[in-house]
Amino acid sequence: MAGDESPESPEVLRRKIRNILRQEREQRGITQKAAAERVLWSQSKLIRIETGVSPAAPADVRLLLLEYGADEARVAEIVEIAKAARRPDDWEAFRGIYSNASLNLFANERASTLIQKYEPTLVPGLFQTEDYARALLKETRSNPAKIDERVRARILRQEMLESDDCPTLHFIIGEATVSRPIGGNKVMIEQIEKLKSLAGHKKITLRMMPFSRGAHPGLGSAFTILEFKDPDLPDLVYLESADRESIVRDDQNEVDRYNRRFAELQDMASTPEELPAQLDEIAKNRFART
């Protein structure tokens, strides 16, 4: 997972394949039922492939694309992608540690060009110090046997921030994220200093939603939007449930809805220029930094 590796992980490639297959079918006006009948499959098999429940084998990709009328060059190109998608995924080691939706998020972050995140409650995983992450996991009663692996995953995700192809990050954090004492004063002061440092990153824009804004559309609802340059990769939105598990949606209407919400929250949040002073004030008043 070093910075010079391709951002297109096997999970990203698998998503690209199923999107291409769906688009090729829909562009020709072929229903799922008709497509399945043409290649002598059950409709459920095609649905599983197009929704990502079952990965598409290279032979299946070739069969479908030829049936849809794609030319040989296009078929050969996509079959090679399907072959590459079968290699082991970097995030496989964390299966059983994180949900499938969370692993999907981790895999897709590196391939995105823009990440927009609103987090009202906790410091986002990409920005957490190791001590904050460990304290958070302990205090929220995570399985002790899995804490080390969860912390390791956070550190691996953060390698992206040091890579030359780091996506642009626009993040809004609620004041509660840095006001809630997690791990004690020392841990929180170090976490606040890290946020100040990250705010100076050339690819990161960080804003805060202060308590003084009162009620607003984002209360209690964390979400992340990923945008991609590759036309074969639709944009994604990740919604976090109350127990911090992610739900992933690639419906463009949903993506658009959350883009509008993010823009509205940006307008309400403090400016990036105000952030360092806000963080310093919180560190002084809440965590006794002199």
Protein backbone atom coordinates (compact mmCIF):
# COMPACT_ATOMS: atom_id res chain seq x y z
CA MET A 1 0.00 0.00 0.00
CA ALA A 2 2.91 2.31 -0.65
CA GLY A 3 2.35 5.65 -2.31
CA ASP A 4 3.57 4.50 -5.74
CA GLU A 5 1.04 1.68 -6.08
CA SER A 6 -1.88 1.99 -8.44
CA PRO A 7 -4.90 3.52 -6.71
CA GLU A 8 -7.10 1.01 -8.52
CA SER A 9 -7.36 -1.77 -5.98
CA PRO A 10 -9.11 -5.04 -6.88
CA GLU A 11 -12.28 -3.73 -5.19
CA VAL A 12 -12.21 -0.61 -7.38
CA LEU A 13 -11.63 -2.75 -10.48
CA ARG A 14 -14.52 -5.03 -9.55
CA ARG A 15 -16.78 -2.00 -9.19
CA LYS A 16 -15.61 -0.71 -12.56
CA ILE A 17 -16.38 -4.07 -14.21
CA ARG A 18 -19.92 -4.32 -12.88
CA ASN A 19 -20.64 -0.73 -13.82
CA ILE A 20 -19.35 -1.31 -17.37
CA LEU A 21 -21.45 -4.46 -17.75
CA ARG A 22 -24.56 -2.67 -16.55
CA GLN A 23 -23.95 0.33 -18.82
CA GLU A 24 -23.26 -1.84 -21.87
CA ARG A 25 -26.53 -3.68 -21.31
CA GLU A 26 -28.63 -0.61 -20.60
CA GLN A 27 -27.22 1.37 -23.54
CA ARG A 28 -28.56 -1.33 -25.85
CA GLY A 29 -31.96 -1.43 -24.17
CA ILE A 30 -31.55 -5.02 -22.96
CA THR A 31 -33.30 -5.99 -19.75
CA GLN A 32 -31.62 -8.15 -17.14
CA LYS A 33 -34.11 -10.91 -17.85
CA ALA A 34 -33.42 -10.83 -21.60
CA ALA A 35 -29.65 -10.69 -21.10
CA ALA A 36 -29.72 -13.69 -18.79
CA GLU A 37 -31.83 -15.67 -21.22
CA ARG A 38 -29.44 -14.91 -24.10
CA VAL A 39 -26.46 -16.42 -22.27
CA LEU A 40 -28.48 -19.22 -20.65
CA TRP A 41 -28.08 -17.91 -17.11
CA SER A 42 -30.57 -17.42 -14.34
CA GLN A 43 -31.57 -13.79 -13.91
CA SER A 44 -30.39 -13.97 -10.30
CA LYS A 45 -26.82 -14.72 -11.46
CA LEU A 46 -26.75 -11.59 -13.62
CA ILE A 47 -28.22 -9.52 -10.79
CA ARG A 48 -25.55 -10.80 -8.38
CA ILE A 49 -22.81 -9.79 -10.84
CA GLU A 50 -24.25 -6.33 -11.56
CA THR A 51 -24.77 -5.56 -7.88
CA GLY A 52 -21.37 -6.86 -6.80
CA VAL A 53 -22.66 -9.73 -4.69
CA SER A 54 -20.67 -12.10 -6.93
CA PRO A 55 -17.48 -11.03 -8.75
CA ALA A 56 -17.55 -11.36 -12.52
CA ALA A 57 -15.17 -14.01 -13.84
CA PRO A 58 -13.19 -12.99 -16.96
CA ALA A 59 -14.99 -15.64 -19.03
CA ASP A 60 -18.38 -14.27 -17.91
CA VAL A 61 -17.30 -10.73 -18.76
CA ARG A 62 -16.26 -11.82 -22.24
CA LEU A 63 -19.51 -13.74 -22.80
CA LEU A 64 -21.71 -10.81 -21.76
CA LEU A 65 -19.83 -8.14 -23.69
CA LEU A 66 -19.86 -10.17 -26.89
CA GLU A 67 -23.57 -10.77 -26.43
CA TYR A 68 -24.07 -7.01 -26.01
CA GLY A 69 -22.22 -6.35 -29.26
CA ALA A 70 -18.99 -4.83 -27.93
CA ASP A 71 -16.06 -4.97 -30.37
CA GLU A 72 -13.12 -7.29 -29.77
CA ALA A 73 -10.73 -4.55 -28.67
CA ARG A 74 -13.18 -3.34 -26.02
CA VAL A 75 -13.84 -6.91 -24.89
CA ALA A 76 -10.11 -7.66 -24.57
CA GLU A 77 -9.54 -4.46 -22.58
CA ILE A 78 -12.32 -5.19 -20.08
CA VAL A 79 -11.37 -8.87 -19.73
CA GLU A 80 -7.86 -7.79 -18.69
CA ILE A 81 -9.39 -5.54 -16.03
CA ALA A 82 -11.49 -8.49 -14.84
CA LYS A 83 -8.33 -10.60 -14.54
CA ALA A 84 -6.58 -7.90 -12.51
CA ALA A 85 -9.63 -7.65 -10.25
CA ARG A 86 -9.11 -11.24 -9.14
CA ARG A 87 -5.79 -10.60 -7.38
CA PRO A 88 -5.80 -10.42 -3.56
CA ASP A 89 -7.02 -7.11 -2.16
CA ASP A 90 -4.84 -5.10 0.23
CA TRP A 91 -7.80 -4.82 2.58
CA GLU A 92 -8.59 -8.55 2.72
CA ALA A 93 -6.56 -8.80 5.93
CA PHE A 94 -9.17 -6.61 7.63
CA ARG A 95 -12.20 -8.65 6.60
CA GLY A 96 -13.98 -9.57 9.82
CA ILE A 97 -12.41 -6.54 11.48
CA TYR A 98 -14.44 -3.99 9.50
CA SER A 99 -17.75 -4.30 7.67
CA ASN A 100 -17.79 -4.86 3.90
CA ALA A 101 -19.08 -1.31 3.38
CA SER A 102 -16.19 0.14 5.40
CA LEU A 103 -13.64 -1.91 3.44
CA ASN A 104 -15.32 -0.71 0.26
CA LEU A 105 -14.78 2.87 1.42
CA PHE A 106 -11.10 2.26 2.24
CA ALA A 107 -10.46 0.69 -1.16
CA ASN A 108 -12.18 3.47 -3.08
CA GLU A 109 -10.59 6.42 -1.24
CA ARG A 110 -7.28 6.13 -3.06
CA ALA A 111 -8.94 5.99 -6.50
CA SER A 112 -11.05 9.11 -5.92
CA THR A 113 -10.16 12.62 -6.99
CA LEU A 114 -12.30 14.40 -4.38
CA ILE A 115 -13.47 13.35 -0.91
CA GLN A 116 -16.04 15.49 0.88
CA LYS A 117 -16.83 14.53 4.45
CA TYR A 118 -19.04 15.88 7.18
CA GLU A 119 -18.33 14.45 10.64
CA PRO A 120 -20.21 15.99 13.59
CA THR A 121 -19.14 13.67 16.40
CA LEU A 122 -15.63 12.16 16.19
CA VAL A 123 -12.34 13.06 14.56
CA PRO A 124 -12.42 11.40 11.10
CA GLY A 125 -10.36 8.21 10.82
CA LEU A 126 -8.10 9.71 8.16
CA PHE A 127 -7.10 12.45 10.62
CA GLN A 128 -6.84 10.51 13.90
CA THR A 129 -3.57 10.16 15.83
CA GLU A 130 -2.70 6.62 16.84
CA ASP A 131 -3.27 7.42 20.53
CA TYR A 132 -6.66 9.01 19.83
CA ALA A 133 -7.71 6.04 17.69
CA ARG A 134 -6.67 3.53 20.33
CA ALA A 135 -8.38 5.45 23.15
CA LEU A 136 -11.54 5.84 21.09
CA LEU A 137 -11.72 2.14 20.33
CA LYS A 138 -11.14 1.20 23.97
CA GLU A 139 -13.66 3.69 25.32
CA THR A 140 -16.35 2.61 22.85
CA ARG A 141 -15.85 -1.00 23.96
CA SER A 142 -14.56 -2.35 20.69
CA ASN A 143 -13.49 -5.98 20.77
CA PRO A 144 -10.06 -5.83 22.51
CA ALA A 145 -8.70 -8.53 20.18
CA LYS A 146 -9.42 -6.33 17.17
CA ILE A 147 -8.21 -2.94 18.42
CA ASP A 148 -4.64 -3.30 17.14
CA GLU A 149 -5.86 -4.26 13.67
CA ARG A 150 -8.37 -1.42 13.59
CA VAL A 151 -5.64 1.06 14.52
CA ARG A 152 -3.34 -0.43 11.88
CA ALA A 153 -6.04 0.05 9.25
CA ARG A 154 -6.33 3.74 10.18
CA ILE A 155 -2.57 4.19 9.81
CA LEU A 156 -2.57 2.45 6.43
CA ARG A 157 -5.42 4.63 5.21
CA GLN A 158 -3.50 7.75 6.22
CA GLU A 159 -0.58 6.81 3.93
CA MET A 160 -2.74 8.24 1.16
CA LEU A 161 -2.21 11.73 2.57
CA GLU A 162 1.52 11.45 1.86
CA SER A 163 1.16 10.18 -1.71
CA ASP A 164 1.67 12.28 -4.84
CA ASP A 165 -1.80 11.34 -6.10
CA CYS A 166 -3.62 12.20 -2.87
CA PRO A 167 -7.20 13.22 -3.67
CA THR A 168 -8.49 16.65 -2.71
CA LEU A 169 -10.16 16.53 0.71
CA HIS A 170 -12.86 18.96 1.82
CA PHE A 171 -13.79 18.11 5.42
CA ILE A 172 -16.19 19.72 7.88
CA ILE A 173 -15.91 18.66 11.52
CA GLY A 174 -18.37 19.51 14.26
CA GLU A 175 -17.04 21.32 17.33
CA ALA A 176 -17.92 18.20 19.34
CA THR A 177 -15.21 16.23 17.52
CA VAL A 178 -12.49 18.17 19.33
CA SER A 179 -14.41 19.06 22.50
CA ARG A 180 -15.19 15.55 23.72
CA PRO A 181 -12.32 14.31 25.96
CA ILE A 182 -11.11 11.01 24.49
CA GLY A 183 -7.98 9.52 26.01
CA GLY A 184 -7.28 12.46 28.31
CA ASN A 185 -5.88 15.95 27.90
CA LYS A 186 -2.51 14.94 26.42
CA VAL A 187 -4.14 12.79 23.73
CA MET A 188 -6.59 15.54 22.82
CA ILE A 189 -3.94 18.26 22.63
CA GLU A 190 -1.82 16.06 20.33
CA GLN A 191 -4.91 15.36 18.23
CA ILE A 192 -5.72 19.06 17.95
CA GLU A 193 -2.13 19.80 16.91
CA LYS A 194 -2.38 17.15 14.20
CA LEU A 195 -5.57 18.74 12.87
CA LYS A 196 -3.83 22.11 12.73
CA SER A 197 -0.97 20.53 10.81
CA LEU A 198 -3.31 18.77 8.37
CA ALA A 199 -5.16 22.03 7.78
CA GLY A 200 -1.96 23.25 6.13
CA HIS A 201 -1.84 20.30 3.70
CA LYS A 202 -2.04 21.51 0.11
CA LYS A 203 -4.83 19.04 -0.69
CA ILE A 204 -6.90 19.50 2.48
CA THR A 205 -9.53 22.13 3.28
CA LEU A 206 -10.77 21.81 6.85
CA ARG A 207 -13.69 23.72 8.37
CA MET A 208 -15.50 23.53 11.70
CA MET A 209 -19.21 23.66 12.45
CA PRO A 210 -19.28 25.53 15.80
CA PHE A 211 -21.90 24.92 18.47
CA SER A 212 -22.95 28.56 18.04
CA ARG A 213 -24.55 27.72 14.68
CA GLY A 214 -27.33 25.93 16.58
CA ALA A 215 -29.56 23.49 14.71
CA HIS A 216 -28.62 22.71 11.12
CA PRO A 217 -29.28 20.03 8.44
CA GLY A 218 -26.29 17.88 9.40
CA LEU A 219 -27.05 17.29 13.08
CA GLY A 220 -25.96 13.79 14.09
CA SER A 221 -25.50 12.54 10.51
CA ALA A 222 -21.99 11.76 9.25
CA PHE A 223 -21.50 11.19 5.53
CA THR A 224 -18.73 10.95 2.95
CA ILE A 225 -18.91 11.64 -0.79
CA LEU A 226 -16.29 10.25 -3.17
CA GLU A 227 -15.92 11.64 -6.69
CA PHE A 228 -13.96 9.91 -9.46
CA LYS A 229 -12.38 11.12 -12.69
CA ASP A 230 -12.80 7.71 -14.34
CA PRO A 231 -16.16 7.71 -16.20
CA ASP A 232 -16.50 3.99 -15.49
CA LEU A 233 -16.54 4.65 -11.75
CA PRO A 234 -19.75 6.33 -10.53
CA ASP A 235 -19.52 8.65 -7.55
CA LEU A 236 -20.31 7.18 -4.14
CA VAL A 237 -21.87 8.35 -0.91
CA TYR A 238 -21.25 6.61 2.42
CA LEU A 239 -23.68 7.09 5.28
CA GLU A 240 -22.79 6.13 8.83
CA SER A 241 -25.41 4.55 11.04
CA ALA A 242 -25.72 5.18 14.78
CA ASP A 243 -23.27 2.34 15.52
CA ARG A 244 -20.74 3.86 13.06
CA GLU A 245 -21.23 1.23 10.36
CA SER A 246 -21.18 2.50 6.78
CA ILE A 247 -23.89 2.14 4.18
CA VAL A 248 -22.73 2.66 0.60
CA ARG A 249 -24.86 4.04 -2.24
CA ASP A 250 -23.89 4.79 -5.83
CA ASP A 251 -27.25 6.19 -6.90
CA GLN A 252 -26.55 9.54 -8.59
CA ASN A 253 -29.68 11.13 -7.13
CA GLU A 254 -28.44 10.29 -3.63
CA VAL A 255 -24.95 11.57 -4.44
CA ASP A 256 -26.44 14.82 -5.75
CA ARG A 257 -28.62 15.20 -2.66
CA TYR A 258 -25.65 14.88 -0.33
CA ASN A 259 -23.54 17.19 -2.48
CA ARG A 260 -26.22 19.85 -1.98
CA ARG A 261 -26.27 19.18 1.76
CA PHE A 262 -22.49 19.44 1.96
CA ALA A 263 -22.53 22.78 0.11
CA GLU A 264 -25.15 24.06 2.55
CA LEU A 265 -23.06 22.95 5.54
CA GLN A 266 -19.95 24.56 4.03
CA ASP A 267 -21.77 27.87 3.91
CA MET A 268 -22.69 27.54 7.59
CA ALA A 269 -19.29 26.36 8.85
CA SER A 270 -16.37 28.56 9.86
CA THR A 271 -13.74 29.33 7.26
CA PRO A 272 -10.46 27.39 7.02
CA GLU A 273 -8.63 30.56 8.08
CA GLU A 274 -10.56 30.66 11.36
CA LEU A 275 -9.81 27.06 12.25
CA PRO A 276 -6.36 27.36 13.95
CA ALA A 277 -7.59 29.97 16.41
CA GLN A 278 -10.73 27.92 17.11
CA LEU A 279 -8.65 24.83 17.83
CA ASP A 280 -6.25 26.76 20.05
CA GLU A 281 -9.17 28.14 22.07
CA ILE A 282 -10.66 24.67 22.56
CA ALA A 283 -7.28 23.21 23.59
CA LYS A 284 -6.81 26.02 26.15
CA ASN A 285 -10.29 26.03 27.63
CA ARG A 286 -11.12 22.32 27.61
CA PHE A 287 -7.80 20.54 27.87
CA ALA A 288 -5.78 22.94 30.01
CA ARG A 289 -3.14 23.69 27.43
CA THR A 290 -1.10 26.69 28.55
